[in-house]
PDB file of all heavy atoms in Angstrom:
ATOM      1  N   VAL A   1     -14.442  -1.309  13.994  1.00  0.00           N
ATOM      2  CA  VAL A   1     -15.255  -0.231  13.450  1.00  0.00           C
ATOM      3  C   VAL A   1     -16.718  -0.655  13.488  1.00  0.00           C
ATOM      4  O   VAL A   1     -17.035  -1.843  13.377  1.00  0.00           O
ATOM      5  CB  VAL A   1     -14.797   0.124  12.020  1.00  0.00           C
ATOM      6  CG1 VAL A   1     -14.997  -1.047  11.072  1.00  0.00           C
ATOM      7  CG2 VAL A   1     -15.476   1.371  11.508  1.00  0.00           C
ATOM      8  N   GLN A   2     -17.596   0.317  13.635  1.00  0.00           N
ATOM      9  CA  GLN A   2     -19.023   0.031  13.634  1.00  0.00           C
ATOM     10  C   GLN A   2     -19.526  -0.195  12.211  1.00  0.00           C
ATOM     11  O   GLN A   2     -18.933   0.321  11.248  1.00  0.00           O
ATOM     12  CB  GLN A   2     -19.789   1.178  14.274  1.00  0.00           C
ATOM     13  CG  GLN A   2     -19.535   1.323  15.768  1.00  0.00           C
ATOM     14  CD  GLN A   2     -20.429   2.377  16.405  1.00  0.00           C
ATOM     15  OE1 GLN A   2     -21.006   3.218  15.722  1.00  0.00           O
ATOM     16  NE2 GLN A   2     -20.552   2.323  17.719  1.00  0.00           N
ATOM     17  N   PRO A   3     -20.611  -0.930  12.064  1.00  0.00           N
ATOM     18  CA  PRO A   3     -21.207  -1.093  10.729  1.00  0.00           C
ATOM     19  C   PRO A   3     -21.479   0.266  10.090  1.00  0.00           C
ATOM     20  O   PRO A   3     -21.953   1.187  10.760  1.00  0.00           O
ATOM     21  CB  PRO A   3     -22.500  -1.849  11.014  1.00  0.00           C
ATOM     22  CG  PRO A   3     -22.209  -2.631  12.255  1.00  0.00           C
ATOM     23  CD  PRO A   3     -21.321  -1.726  13.079  1.00  0.00           C
ATOM     24  N   GLY A   4     -21.156   0.366   8.800  1.00  0.00           N
ATOM     25  CA  GLY A   4     -21.289   1.626   8.091  1.00  0.00           C
ATOM     26  C   GLY A   4     -20.049   2.491   8.141  1.00  0.00           C
ATOM     27  O   GLY A   4     -19.971   3.501   7.423  1.00  0.00           O
ATOM     28  N   GLY A   5     -19.093   2.111   8.954  1.00  0.00           N
ATOM     29  CA  GLY A   5     -17.869   2.892   9.096  1.00  0.00           C
ATOM     30  C   GLY A   5     -16.854   2.601   8.008  1.00  0.00           C
ATOM     31  O   GLY A   5     -17.110   1.827   7.077  1.00  0.00           O
ATOM     32  N   SER A   6     -15.682   3.230   8.164  1.00  0.00           N
ATOM     33  CA  SER A   6     -14.622   3.112   7.158  1.00  0.00           C
ATOM     34  C   SER A   6     -13.285   2.803   7.820  1.00  0.00           C
ATOM     35  O   SER A   6     -13.045   3.174   8.965  1.00  0.00           O
ATOM     36  CB  SER A   6     -14.487   4.425   6.371  1.00  0.00           C
ATOM     37  OG  SER A   6     -15.665   4.732   5.664  1.00  0.00           O
ATOM     38  N   LEU A   7     -12.443   2.131   7.056  1.00  0.00           N
ATOM     39  CA  LEU A   7     -11.052   1.896   7.433  1.00  0.00           C
ATOM     40  C   LEU A   7     -10.215   1.956   6.171  1.00  0.00           C
ATOM     41  O   LEU A   7     -10.704   1.640   5.082  1.00  0.00           O
ATOM     42  CB  LEU A   7     -10.865   0.520   8.087  1.00  0.00           C
ATOM     43  CG  LEU A   7     -11.280   0.320   9.542  1.00  0.00           C
ATOM     44  CD1 LEU A   7     -11.125  -1.153   9.913  1.00  0.00           C
ATOM     45  CD2 LEU A   7     -10.463   1.187  10.475  1.00  0.00           C
ATOM     46  N   LYS A   8      -8.946   2.314   6.343  1.00  0.00           N
ATOM     47  CA  LYS A   8      -8.017   2.290   5.225  1.00  0.00           C
ATOM     48  C   LYS A   8      -6.811   1.444   5.616  1.00  0.00           C
ATOM     49  O   LYS A   8      -6.098   1.766   6.565  1.00  0.00           O
ATOM     50  CB  LYS A   8      -7.570   3.698   4.842  1.00  0.00           C
ATOM     51  CG  LYS A   8      -6.709   3.727   3.573  1.00  0.00           C
ATOM     52  CD  LYS A   8      -6.422   5.153   3.135  1.00  0.00           C
ATOM     53  CE  LYS A   8      -5.663   5.193   1.816  1.00  0.00           C
ATOM     54  NZ  LYS A   8      -5.428   6.573   1.343  1.00  0.00           N
ATOM     55  N   LEU A   9      -6.616   0.362   4.879  1.00  0.00           N
ATOM     56  CA  LEU A   9      -5.478  -0.511   5.097  1.00  0.00           C
ATOM     57  C   LEU A   9      -4.312  -0.080   4.202  1.00  0.00           C
ATOM     58  O   LEU A   9      -4.525   0.388   3.082  1.00  0.00           O
ATOM     59  CB  LEU A   9      -5.836  -1.966   4.784  1.00  0.00           C
ATOM     60  CG  LEU A   9      -7.064  -2.537   5.487  1.00  0.00           C
ATOM     61  CD1 LEU A   9      -7.231  -4.013   5.114  1.00  0.00           C
ATOM     62  CD2 LEU A   9      -6.971  -2.372   6.979  1.00  0.00           C
ATOM     63  N   SER A  10      -3.108  -0.266   4.722  1.00  0.00           N
ATOM     64  CA  SER A  10      -1.897   0.019   3.957  1.00  0.00           C
ATOM     65  C   SER A  10      -0.989  -1.201   3.979  1.00  0.00           C
ATOM     66  O   SER A  10      -0.984  -1.963   4.948  1.00  0.00           O
ATOM     67  CB  SER A  10      -1.144   1.209   4.556  1.00  0.00           C
ATOM     68  OG  SER A  10      -1.926   2.374   4.575  1.00  0.00           O
ATOM     69  N   CYS A  11      -0.234  -1.357   2.930  1.00  0.00           N
ATOM     70  CA  CYS A  11       0.749  -2.446   2.848  1.00  0.00           C
ATOM     71  C   CYS A  11       2.008  -1.890   2.201  1.00  0.00           C
ATOM     72  O   CYS A  11       1.983  -1.483   1.031  1.00  0.00           O
ATOM     73  CB  CYS A  11       0.198  -3.603   2.038  1.00  0.00           C
ATOM     74  SG  CYS A  11       1.398  -4.921   1.695  1.00  0.00           S
ATOM     75  N   VAL A  12       3.082  -1.875   2.966  1.00  0.00           N
ATOM     76  CA  VAL A  12       4.364  -1.398   2.466  1.00  0.00           C
ATOM     77  C   VAL A  12       5.195  -2.602   2.034  1.00  0.00           C
ATOM     78  O   VAL A  12       5.317  -3.582   2.775  1.00  0.00           O
ATOM     79  CB  VAL A  12       5.116  -0.592   3.530  1.00  0.00           C
ATOM     80  CG1 VAL A  12       6.465  -0.132   2.991  1.00  0.00           C
ATOM     81  CG2 VAL A  12       4.283   0.602   3.979  1.00  0.00           C
ATOM     82  N   VAL A  13       5.758  -2.513   0.836  1.00  0.00           N
ATOM     83  CA  VAL A  13       6.529  -3.619   0.265  1.00  0.00           C
ATOM     84  C   VAL A  13       7.997  -3.236   0.196  1.00  0.00           C
ATOM     85  O   VAL A  13       8.345  -2.216  -0.411  1.00  0.00           O
ATOM     86  CB  VAL A  13       6.012  -3.965  -1.142  1.00  0.00           C
ATOM     87  CG1 VAL A  13       6.797  -5.154  -1.719  1.00  0.00           C
ATOM     88  CG2 VAL A  13       4.525  -4.283  -1.095  1.00  0.00           C
ATOM     89  N   SER A  14       8.844  -4.023   0.808  1.00  0.00           N
ATOM     90  CA  SER A  14      10.278  -3.773   0.721  1.00  0.00           C
ATOM     91  C   SER A  14      10.825  -4.459  -0.526  1.00  0.00           C
ATOM     92  O   SER A  14      10.218  -5.369  -1.066  1.00  0.00           O
ATOM     93  CB  SER A  14      10.991  -4.317   1.953  1.00  0.00           C
ATOM     94  OG  SER A  14      10.867  -5.724   2.008  1.00  0.00           O
ATOM     95  N   GLY A  15      11.967  -4.023  -0.996  1.00  0.00           N
ATOM     96  CA  GLY A  15      12.541  -4.584  -2.206  1.00  0.00           C
ATOM     97  C   GLY A  15      12.213  -3.722  -3.405  1.00  0.00           C
ATOM     98  O   GLY A  15      11.483  -2.731  -3.304  1.00  0.00           O
ATOM     99  N   SER A  16      12.725  -4.119  -4.555  1.00  0.00           N
ATOM    100  CA  SER A  16      12.624  -3.268  -5.743  1.00  0.00           C
ATOM    101  C   SER A  16      11.593  -3.747  -6.753  1.00  0.00           C
ATOM    102  O   SER A  16      11.588  -3.296  -7.886  1.00  0.00           O
ATOM    103  CB  SER A  16      14.000  -3.187  -6.415  1.00  0.00           C
ATOM    104  OG  SER A  16      14.421  -4.492  -6.774  1.00  0.00           O
ATOM    105  N   ILE A  17      10.706  -4.656  -6.344  1.00  0.00           N
ATOM    106  CA  ILE A  17       9.796  -5.261  -7.308  1.00  0.00           C
ATOM    107  C   ILE A  17       8.444  -4.566  -7.393  1.00  0.00           C
ATOM    108  O   ILE A  17       7.642  -4.856  -8.273  1.00  0.00           O
ATOM    109  CB  ILE A  17       9.537  -6.748  -6.970  1.00  0.00           C
ATOM    110  CG1 ILE A  17       8.742  -6.866  -5.653  1.00  0.00           C
ATOM    111  CG2 ILE A  17      10.852  -7.510  -6.906  1.00  0.00           C
ATOM    112  CD1 ILE A  17       8.188  -8.249  -5.415  1.00  0.00           C
ATOM    113  N   PHE A  18       8.174  -3.660  -6.451  1.00  0.00           N
ATOM    114  CA  PHE A  18       6.806  -3.174  -6.280  1.00  0.00           C
ATOM    115  C   PHE A  18       6.219  -2.644  -7.584  1.00  0.00           C
ATOM    116  O   PHE A  18       5.093  -2.963  -7.953  1.00  0.00           O
ATOM    117  CB  PHE A  18       6.760  -2.093  -5.203  1.00  0.00           C
ATOM    118  CG  PHE A  18       5.368  -1.596  -4.937  1.00  0.00           C
ATOM    119  CD1 PHE A  18       4.509  -2.305  -4.113  1.00  0.00           C
ATOM    120  CD2 PHE A  18       4.900  -0.412  -5.515  1.00  0.00           C
ATOM    121  CE1 PHE A  18       3.221  -1.861  -3.866  1.00  0.00           C
ATOM    122  CE2 PHE A  18       3.624   0.030  -5.277  1.00  0.00           C
ATOM    123  CZ  PHE A  18       2.779  -0.696  -4.443  1.00  0.00           C
ATOM    124  N   SER A  19       6.950  -1.816  -8.294  1.00  0.00           N
ATOM    125  CA  SER A  19       6.378  -1.134  -9.458  1.00  0.00           C
ATOM    126  C   SER A  19       6.084  -2.076 -10.621  1.00  0.00           C
ATOM    127  O   SER A  19       5.348  -1.708 -11.536  1.00  0.00           O
ATOM    128  CB  SER A  19       7.322  -0.024  -9.923  1.00  0.00           C
ATOM    129  OG  SER A  19       8.540  -0.571 -10.376  1.00  0.00           O
ATOM    130  N   ILE A  20       6.626  -3.293 -10.603  1.00  0.00           N
ATOM    131  CA  ILE A  20       6.434  -4.202 -11.734  1.00  0.00           C
ATOM    132  C   ILE A  20       5.491  -5.352 -11.425  1.00  0.00           C
ATOM    133  O   ILE A  20       5.264  -6.210 -12.281  1.00  0.00           O
ATOM    134  CB  ILE A  20       7.777  -4.771 -12.232  1.00  0.00           C
ATOM    135  CG1 ILE A  20       8.454  -5.629 -11.158  1.00  0.00           C
ATOM    136  CG2 ILE A  20       8.693  -3.653 -12.699  1.00  0.00           C
ATOM    137  CD1 ILE A  20       9.687  -6.352 -11.661  1.00  0.00           C
ATOM    138  N   THR A  21       4.960  -5.412 -10.232  1.00  0.00           N
ATOM    139  CA  THR A  21       4.107  -6.536  -9.861  1.00  0.00           C
ATOM    140  C   THR A  21       2.685  -6.094  -9.544  1.00  0.00           C
ATOM    141  O   THR A  21       2.454  -4.983  -9.088  1.00  0.00           O
ATOM    142  CB  THR A  21       4.656  -7.278  -8.630  1.00  0.00           C
ATOM    143  OG1 THR A  21       4.659  -6.398  -7.506  1.00  0.00           O
ATOM    144  CG2 THR A  21       6.057  -7.781  -8.879  1.00  0.00           C
ATOM    145  N   ALA A  22       1.749  -6.996  -9.800  1.00  0.00           N
ATOM    146  CA  ALA A  22       0.385  -6.779  -9.347  1.00  0.00           C
ATOM    147  C   ALA A  22       0.342  -6.949  -7.837  1.00  0.00           C
ATOM    148  O   ALA A  22       1.141  -7.696  -7.258  1.00  0.00           O
ATOM    149  CB  ALA A  22      -0.554  -7.775 -10.012  1.00  0.00           C
ATOM    150  N   MET A  23      -0.588  -6.255  -7.200  1.00  0.00           N
ATOM    151  CA  MET A  23      -0.755  -6.336  -5.754  1.00  0.00           C
ATOM    152  C   MET A  23      -2.182  -6.740  -5.439  1.00  0.00           C
ATOM    153  O   MET A  23      -3.125  -6.309  -6.126  1.00  0.00           O
ATOM    154  CB  MET A  23      -0.445  -4.989  -5.101  1.00  0.00           C
ATOM    155  CG  MET A  23       0.994  -4.531  -5.242  1.00  0.00           C
ATOM    156  SD  MET A  23       2.188  -5.661  -4.496  1.00  0.00           S
ATOM    157  CE  MET A  23       1.606  -5.739  -2.809  1.00  0.00           C
ATOM    158  N   ASN A  24      -2.325  -7.547  -4.419  1.00  0.00           N
ATOM    159  CA  ASN A  24      -3.634  -8.099  -4.063  1.00  0.00           C
ATOM    160  C   ASN A  24      -3.919  -7.933  -2.582  1.00  0.00           C
ATOM    161  O   ASN A  24      -2.991  -7.936  -1.762  1.00  0.00           O
ATOM    162  CB  ASN A  24      -3.675  -9.596  -4.383  1.00  0.00           C
ATOM    163  CG  ASN A  24      -3.228  -9.916  -5.781  1.00  0.00           C
ATOM    164  OD1 ASN A  24      -3.769  -9.421  -6.759  1.00  0.00           O
ATOM    165  ND2 ASN A  24      -2.198 -10.740  -5.903  1.00  0.00           N
ATOM    166  N   TRP A  25      -5.198  -7.814  -2.277  1.00  0.00           N
ATOM    167  CA  TRP A  25      -5.671  -7.916  -0.894  1.00  0.00           C
ATOM    168  C   TRP A  25      -6.575  -9.142  -0.798  1.00  0.00           C
ATOM    169  O   TRP A  25      -7.528  -9.269  -1.569  1.00  0.00           O
ATOM    170  CB  TRP A  25      -6.455  -6.672  -0.476  1.00  0.00           C
ATOM    171  CG  TRP A  25      -5.614  -5.486  -0.179  1.00  0.00           C
ATOM    172  CD1 TRP A  25      -5.357  -4.421  -1.005  1.00  0.00           C
ATOM    173  CD2 TRP A  25      -4.923  -5.213   1.040  1.00  0.00           C
ATOM    174  NE1 TRP A  25      -4.542  -3.515  -0.377  1.00  0.00           N
ATOM    175  CE2 TRP A  25      -4.261  -3.969   0.882  1.00  0.00           C
ATOM    176  CE3 TRP A  25      -4.787  -5.889   2.256  1.00  0.00           C
ATOM    177  CZ2 TRP A  25      -3.483  -3.389   1.900  1.00  0.00           C
ATOM    178  CZ3 TRP A  25      -4.012  -5.313   3.257  1.00  0.00           C
ATOM    179  CH2 TRP A  25      -3.379  -4.082   3.075  1.00  0.00           C
ATOM    180  N   TYR A  26      -6.253 -10.010   0.151  1.00  0.00           N
ATOM    181  CA  TYR A  26      -7.076 -11.163   0.467  1.00  0.00           C
ATOM    182  C   TYR A  26      -7.642 -10.978   1.871  1.00  0.00           C
ATOM    183  O   TYR A  26      -7.156 -10.162   2.656  1.00  0.00           O
ATOM    184  CB  TYR A  26      -6.235 -12.451   0.463  1.00  0.00           C
ATOM    185  CG  TYR A  26      -5.894 -13.010  -0.879  1.00  0.00           C
ATOM    186  CD1 TYR A  26      -4.882 -12.457  -1.660  1.00  0.00           C
ATOM    187  CD2 TYR A  26      -6.570 -14.123  -1.379  1.00  0.00           C
ATOM    188  CE1 TYR A  26      -4.553 -13.000  -2.907  1.00  0.00           C
ATOM    189  CE2 TYR A  26      -6.241 -14.677  -2.615  1.00  0.00           C
ATOM    190  CZ  TYR A  26      -5.231 -14.097  -3.359  1.00  0.00           C
ATOM    191  OH  TYR A  26      -4.918 -14.648  -4.592  1.00  0.00           O
ATOM    192  N   ARG A  27      -8.649 -11.780   2.198  1.00  0.00           N
ATOM    193  CA  ARG A  27      -9.137 -11.820   3.566  1.00  0.00           C
ATOM    194  C   ARG A  27      -9.546 -13.250   3.923  1.00  0.00           C
ATOM    195  O   ARG A  27      -9.884 -14.036   3.046  1.00  0.00           O
ATOM    196  CB  ARG A  27     -10.317 -10.873   3.778  1.00  0.00           C
ATOM    197  CG  ARG A  27     -11.590 -11.273   3.072  1.00  0.00           C
ATOM    198  CD  ARG A  27     -12.658 -10.185   3.237  1.00  0.00           C
ATOM    199  NE  ARG A  27     -13.903 -10.535   2.563  1.00  0.00           N
ATOM    200  CZ  ARG A  27     -14.925  -9.694   2.434  1.00  0.00           C
ATOM    201  NH1 ARG A  27     -14.854  -8.451   2.929  1.00  0.00           N
ATOM    202  NH2 ARG A  27     -16.026 -10.090   1.812  1.00  0.00           N
ATOM    203  N   GLN A  28      -9.481 -13.509   5.217  1.00  0.00           N
ATOM    204  CA  GLN A  28      -9.893 -14.819   5.711  1.00  0.00           C
ATOM    205  C   GLN A  28     -10.659 -14.647   7.006  1.00  0.00           C
ATOM    206  O   GLN A  28     -10.124 -14.142   7.998  1.00  0.00           O
ATOM    207  CB  GLN A  28      -8.685 -15.738   5.928  1.00  0.00           C
ATOM    208  CG  GLN A  28      -9.074 -17.158   6.263  1.00  0.00           C
ATOM    209  CD  GLN A  28      -7.917 -18.124   6.143  1.00  0.00           C
ATOM    210  OE1 GLN A  28      -6.751 -17.744   6.164  1.00  0.00           O
ATOM    211  NE2 GLN A  28      -8.233 -19.399   6.001  1.00  0.00           N
ATOM    212  N   ALA A  29     -11.918 -15.059   6.962  1.00  0.00           N
ATOM    213  CA  ALA A  29     -12.768 -15.018   8.143  1.00  0.00           C
ATOM    214  C   ALA A  29     -12.675 -16.354   8.867  1.00  0.00           C
ATOM    215  O   ALA A  29     -12.335 -17.374   8.258  1.00  0.00           O
ATOM    216  CB  ALA A  29     -14.212 -14.735   7.730  1.00  0.00           C
ATOM    217  N   PRO A  30     -12.984 -16.390  10.157  1.00  0.00           N
ATOM    218  CA  PRO A  30     -12.906 -17.644  10.913  1.00  0.00           C
ATOM    219  C   PRO A  30     -13.752 -18.736  10.270  1.00  0.00           C
ATOM    220  O   PRO A  30     -14.923 -18.514   9.938  1.00  0.00           O
ATOM    221  CB  PRO A  30     -13.452 -17.252  12.285  1.00  0.00           C
ATOM    222  CG  PRO A  30     -13.181 -15.796  12.400  1.00  0.00           C
ATOM    223  CD  PRO A  30     -13.348 -15.251  11.010  1.00  0.00           C
ATOM    224  N   GLY A  31     -13.146 -19.896  10.071  1.00  0.00           N
ATOM    225  CA  GLY A  31     -13.860 -21.023   9.511  1.00  0.00           C
ATOM    226  C   GLY A  31     -14.100 -20.962   8.016  1.00  0.00           C
ATOM    227  O   GLY A  31     -14.782 -21.834   7.466  1.00  0.00           O
ATOM    228  N   LYS A  32     -13.547 -19.952   7.360  1.00  0.00           N
ATOM    229  CA  LYS A  32     -13.745 -19.803   5.918  1.00  0.00           C
ATOM    230  C   LYS A  32     -12.409 -19.810   5.191  1.00  0.00           C
ATOM    231  O   LYS A  32     -11.365 -19.578   5.788  1.00  0.00           O
ATOM    232  CB  LYS A  32     -14.502 -18.513   5.615  1.00  0.00           C
ATOM    233  CG  LYS A  32     -15.923 -18.489   6.152  1.00  0.00           C
ATOM    234  CD  LYS A  32     -16.674 -17.270   5.664  1.00  0.00           C
ATOM    235  CE  LYS A  32     -18.115 -17.282   6.137  1.00  0.00           C
ATOM    236  NZ  LYS A  32     -18.866 -16.095   5.643  1.00  0.00           N
ATOM    237  N   GLU A  33     -12.475 -20.062   3.886  1.00  0.00           N
ATOM    238  CA  GLU A  33     -11.269 -20.045   3.080  1.00  0.00           C
ATOM    239  C   GLU A  33     -10.839 -18.597   2.789  1.00  0.00           C
ATOM    240  O   GLU A  33     -11.659 -17.680   2.785  1.00  0.00           O
ATOM    241  CB  GLU A  33     -11.502 -20.788   1.763  1.00  0.00           C
ATOM    242  CG  GLU A  33     -11.729 -22.282   1.931  1.00  0.00           C
ATOM    243  CD  GLU A  33     -11.772 -23.013   0.599  1.00  0.00           C
ATOM    244  OE1 GLU A  33     -11.752 -22.343  -0.455  1.00  0.00           O
ATOM    245  OE2 GLU A  33     -11.832 -24.247   0.613  1.00  0.00           O
ATOM    246  N   ARG A  34      -9.563 -18.440   2.553  1.00  0.00           N
ATOM    247  CA  ARG A  34      -9.054 -17.125   2.164  1.00  0.00           C
ATOM    248  C   ARG A  34      -9.611 -16.764   0.788  1.00  0.00           C
ATOM    249  O   ARG A  34      -9.639 -17.607  -0.113  1.00  0.00           O
ATOM    250  CB  ARG A  34      -7.524 -17.159   2.141  1.00  0.00           C
ATOM    251  CG  ARG A  34      -6.876 -15.808   2.059  1.00  0.00           C
ATOM    252  CD  ARG A  34      -5.366 -15.905   2.274  1.00  0.00           C
ATOM    253  NE  ARG A  34      -5.028 -16.365   3.624  1.00  0.00           N
ATOM    254  CZ  ARG A  34      -3.789 -16.343   4.104  1.00  0.00           C
ATOM    255  NH1 ARG A  34      -2.782 -15.903   3.354  1.00  0.00           N
ATOM    256  NH2 ARG A  34      -3.562 -16.780   5.316  1.00  0.00           N
ATOM    257  N   GLU A  35     -10.041 -15.518   0.623  1.00  0.00           N
ATOM    258  CA  GLU A  35     -10.614 -15.086  -0.646  1.00  0.00           C
ATOM    259  C   GLU A  35      -9.973 -13.782  -1.116  1.00  0.00           C
ATOM    260  O   GLU A  35      -9.577 -12.941  -0.302  1.00  0.00           O
ATOM    261  CB  GLU A  35     -12.139 -14.897  -0.533  1.00  0.00           C
ATOM    262  CG  GLU A  35     -12.596 -13.832   0.441  1.00  0.00           C
ATOM    263  CD  GLU A  35     -14.122 -13.716   0.519  1.00  0.00           C
ATOM    264  OE1 GLU A  35     -14.835 -14.392  -0.253  1.00  0.00           O
ATOM    265  OE2 GLU A  35     -14.589 -12.927   1.368  1.00  0.00           O
ATOM    266  N   LEU A  36      -9.885 -13.663  -2.436  1.00  0.00           N
ATOM    267  CA  LEU A  36      -9.328 -12.463  -3.039  1.00  0.00           C
ATOM    268  C   LEU A  36     -10.369 -11.351  -3.001  1.00  0.00           C
ATOM    269  O   LEU A  36     -11.471 -11.505  -3.520  1.00  0.00           O
ATOM    270  CB  LEU A  36      -8.906 -12.747  -4.478  1.00  0.00           C
ATOM    271  CG  LEU A  36      -8.326 -11.577  -5.268  1.00  0.00           C
ATOM    272  CD1 LEU A  36      -7.043 -11.063  -4.625  1.00  0.00           C
ATOM    273  CD2 LEU A  36      -8.070 -12.007  -6.708  1.00  0.00           C
ATOM    274  N   VAL A  37     -10.010 -10.243  -2.386  1.00  0.00           N
ATOM    275  CA  VAL A  37     -10.929  -9.120  -2.226  1.00  0.00           C
ATOM    276  C   VAL A  37     -10.743  -8.083  -3.334  1.00  0.00           C
ATOM    277  O   VAL A  37     -11.708  -7.588  -3.902  1.00  0.00           O
ATOM    278  CB  VAL A  37     -10.714  -8.444  -0.857  1.00  0.00           C
ATOM    279  CG1 VAL A  37     -11.587  -7.203  -0.714  1.00  0.00           C
ATOM    280  CG2 VAL A  37     -10.994  -9.429   0.267  1.00  0.00           C
ATOM    281  N   ALA A  38      -9.498  -7.749  -3.613  1.00  0.00           N
ATOM    282  CA  ALA A  38      -9.215  -6.712  -4.601  1.00  0.00           C
ATOM    283  C   ALA A  38      -7.818  -6.913  -5.154  1.00  0.00           C
ATOM    284  O   ALA A  38      -6.934  -7.426  -4.455  1.00  0.00           O
ATOM    285  CB  ALA A  38      -9.345  -5.317  -3.996  1.00  0.00           C
ATOM    286  N   ALA A  39      -7.637  -6.499  -6.400  1.00  0.00           N
ATOM    287  CA  ALA A  39      -6.340  -6.629  -7.064  1.00  0.00           C
ATOM    288  C   ALA A  39      -6.092  -5.409  -7.927  1.00  0.00           C
ATOM    289  O   ALA A  39      -7.036  -4.819  -8.468  1.00  0.00           O
ATOM    290  CB  ALA A  39      -6.300  -7.895  -7.916  1.00  0.00           C
ATOM    291  N   ILE A  40      -4.822  -5.053  -8.060  1.00  0.00           N
ATOM    292  CA  ILE A  40      -4.451  -3.950  -8.936  1.00  0.00           C
ATOM    293  C   ILE A  40      -3.171  -4.330  -9.665  1.00  0.00           C
ATOM    294  O   ILE A  40      -2.194  -4.767  -9.059  1.00  0.00           O
ATOM    295  CB  ILE A  40      -4.296  -2.628  -8.146  1.00  0.00           C
ATOM    296  CG1 ILE A  40      -4.018  -1.461  -9.092  1.00  0.00           C
ATOM    297  CG2 ILE A  40      -3.232  -2.742  -7.062  1.00  0.00           C
ATOM    298  CD1 ILE A  40      -4.158  -0.088  -8.427  1.00  0.00           C
ATOM    299  N   THR A  41      -3.185  -4.194 -10.994  1.00  0.00           N
ATOM    300  CA  THR A  41      -2.009  -4.535 -11.777  1.00  0.00           C
ATOM    301  C   THR A  41      -0.973  -3.424 -11.689  1.00  0.00           C
ATOM    302  O   THR A  41      -1.236  -2.338 -11.164  1.00  0.00           O
ATOM    303  CB  THR A  41      -2.378  -4.752 -13.243  1.00  0.00           C
ATOM    304  OG1 THR A  41      -2.777  -3.483 -13.808  1.00  0.00           O
ATOM    305  CG2 THR A  41      -3.506  -5.763 -13.392  1.00  0.00           C
ATOM    306  N   SER A  42       0.204  -3.693 -12.233  1.00  0.00           N
ATOM    307  CA  SER A  42       1.242  -2.664 -12.248  1.00  0.00           C
ATOM    308  C   SER A  42       0.801  -1.449 -13.064  1.00  0.00           C
ATOM    309  O   SER A  42       1.237  -0.327 -12.800  1.00  0.00           O
ATOM    310  CB  SER A  42       2.546  -3.226 -12.812  1.00  0.00           C
ATOM    311  OG  SER A  42       2.337  -3.721 -14.119  1.00  0.00           O
TER     312      SER A  42
END
């Protein structure tokens, strides 16, 4: 995407735990450590 643009990521979770667990998005850029971007509790 070009700078200023938008994207929407999706993550489908199999199993029966989804509604009771917090969910997180992390990212890792080349040469950098993985970092927590966003989190949402149950």
